[in-house]
Amino acid sequence: MLDMIRNDSSQVINESVPHIHAKAMEMKKLYRKIDKLETFVKMIGNNVAGMEEQIIKAESDLGNFPNTLKKLLYTINVPSFLNKSSSSRQNQALYEPLDLFKTEDYFPCLDQGQCM
């Protein structure tokens, strides 16, 4: 009985522990990838929130026309003497786009065909 317990213990120590250790190392790599992905998703969320703020500001500054009216106005070429309001709009703050991320900066391996 004692020999059987010793054999089981040595089998656990010699076979199972190295296997468990190897799996733990794989999990650490996976956890690092998940942390990087969470950071990336948070950064994208911040970019989207910033763009939404700009859209809300632009809509409040320029007024919120119905979409069909917007499309109609943009397709019609109005002579410049009728377009007096455009010069007053140019005096307003100019649109400055946000600095957006580049996916290649976070996933450089996309160029090589494999990732992470």
Protein backbone atom coordinates (compact mmCIF):
# COMPACT_ATOMS: atom_id res chain seq x y z
CA MET A 1 0.00 0.00 0.00
CA LEU A 2 2.84 2.35 0.89
CA ASP A 3 4.56 1.58 -2.44
CA MET A 4 1.37 2.36 -4.30
CA ILE A 5 1.11 5.76 -2.59
CA ARG A 6 4.77 6.50 -3.38
CA ASN A 7 4.27 5.55 -7.02
CA ASP A 8 1.20 7.77 -7.27
CA SER A 9 3.03 10.67 -5.61
CA SER A 10 6.03 10.38 -7.92
CA GLN A 11 3.76 10.12 -10.93
CA VAL A 12 2.02 13.33 -9.87
CA ILE A 13 5.33 15.10 -9.25
CA ASN A 14 7.05 13.86 -12.41
CA GLU A 15 4.15 14.12 -14.88
CA SER A 16 1.31 16.28 -13.65
CA VAL A 17 3.22 19.17 -12.06
CA PRO A 18 5.27 19.99 -15.20
CA HIS A 19 2.10 19.78 -17.28
CA ILE A 20 0.27 22.11 -14.88
CA HIS A 21 3.22 24.51 -14.90
CA ALA A 22 3.27 24.59 -18.72
CA LYS A 23 -0.47 25.31 -18.81
CA ALA A 24 -0.03 28.09 -16.24
CA MET A 25 2.60 29.75 -18.49
CA GLU A 26 0.21 29.52 -21.46
CA MET A 27 -2.52 31.13 -19.36
CA LYS A 28 -0.22 34.02 -18.38
CA LYS A 29 0.38 34.74 -22.07
CA LEU A 30 -3.36 34.61 -22.70
CA TYR A 31 -4.04 36.97 -19.78
CA ARG A 32 -1.51 39.48 -21.19
CA LYS A 33 -3.28 39.36 -24.56
CA ILE A 34 -6.64 39.91 -22.88
CA ASP A 35 -5.25 42.89 -20.94
CA LYS A 36 -3.90 44.42 -24.17
CA LEU A 37 -7.24 43.86 -25.88
CA GLU A 38 -9.12 45.48 -23.00
CA THR A 39 -6.82 48.51 -23.23
CA PHE A 40 -7.39 48.68 -26.98
CA VAL A 41 -11.18 48.47 -26.62
CA LYS A 42 -11.12 51.20 -23.96
CA MET A 43 -9.07 53.45 -26.23
CA ILE A 44 -11.51 52.90 -29.11
CA GLY A 45 -14.40 53.68 -26.76
CA ASN A 46 -12.74 56.97 -25.83
CA ASN A 47 -12.28 57.82 -29.53
CA VAL A 48 -15.94 57.06 -30.26
CA ALA A 49 -17.06 59.16 -27.28
CA GLY A 50 -14.95 62.07 -28.53
CA MET A 51 -16.42 61.81 -32.00
CA GLU A 52 -19.94 61.69 -30.57
CA GLU A 53 -19.22 64.88 -28.62
CA GLN A 54 -18.03 66.56 -31.82
CA ILE A 55 -21.16 65.44 -33.67
CA ILE A 56 -23.41 66.77 -30.91
CA LYS A 57 -21.52 70.08 -30.92
CA ALA A 58 -21.69 70.34 -34.72
CA GLU A 59 -25.41 69.60 -34.71
CA SER A 60 -26.02 72.24 -32.06
CA ASP A 61 -23.82 74.80 -33.87
CA LEU A 62 -25.23 74.18 -37.33
CA GLY A 63 -28.74 73.18 -36.42
CA ASN A 64 -30.28 69.79 -36.85
CA PHE A 65 -32.00 69.61 -40.24
CA PRO A 66 -33.99 66.58 -41.31
CA ASN A 67 -31.84 64.23 -43.40
CA THR A 68 -33.90 64.62 -46.55
CA LEU A 69 -33.57 68.39 -46.38
CA LYS A 70 -29.82 68.11 -45.83
CA LYS A 71 -29.43 65.87 -48.86
CA LEU A 72 -31.49 68.24 -50.98
CA LEU A 73 -29.50 71.29 -49.92
CA TYR A 74 -26.17 69.61 -50.55
CA THR A 75 -27.15 68.50 -54.04
CA ILE A 76 -28.34 71.95 -55.14
CA ASN A 77 -25.67 74.42 -56.31
CA VAL A 78 -26.67 77.78 -54.90
CA PRO A 79 -25.16 80.89 -56.55
CA SER A 80 -22.64 82.62 -54.32
CA PHE A 81 -24.69 85.83 -53.98
CA LEU A 82 -27.50 83.80 -52.39
CA ASN A 83 -25.15 82.04 -50.02
CA LYS A 84 -24.47 84.91 -47.59
CA SER A 85 -24.68 82.74 -44.50
CA SER A 86 -21.64 80.68 -45.52
CA SER A 87 -19.28 83.59 -44.83
CA SER A 88 -20.71 83.99 -41.34
CA ARG A 89 -20.28 80.27 -40.73
CA GLN A 90 -16.63 80.47 -41.71
CA ASN A 91 -16.09 82.82 -38.76
CA GLN A 92 -17.19 80.05 -36.44
CA ALA A 93 -14.64 77.62 -35.06
CA LEU A 94 -13.22 75.36 -37.73
CA TYR A 95 -13.62 71.64 -37.46
CA GLU A 96 -10.53 69.91 -36.13
CA PRO A 97 -10.74 66.12 -36.36
CA LEU A 98 -9.59 63.97 -33.47
CA ASP A 99 -6.36 62.04 -33.74
CA LEU A 100 -7.57 58.52 -34.33
CA PHE A 101 -5.70 55.31 -33.79
CA LYS A 102 -4.20 53.15 -36.47
CA THR A 103 -4.91 49.47 -36.12
CA GLU A 104 -1.41 48.66 -37.38
CA ASP A 105 0.06 50.43 -34.34
CA TYR A 106 -1.66 47.94 -32.04
CA PHE A 107 -1.65 44.88 -34.25
CA PRO A 108 1.56 45.13 -36.30
CA CYS A 109 1.37 41.46 -37.19
CA LEU A 110 -1.63 42.10 -39.48
CA ASP A 111 0.91 43.03 -42.16
CA GLN A 112 2.66 39.66 -41.83
CA GLY A 113 -0.55 37.63 -41.81
CA GLN A 114 -0.43 36.31 -38.24
CA CYS A 115 -1.25 38.05 -35.02
CA MET A 116 -0.46 38.01 -31.32
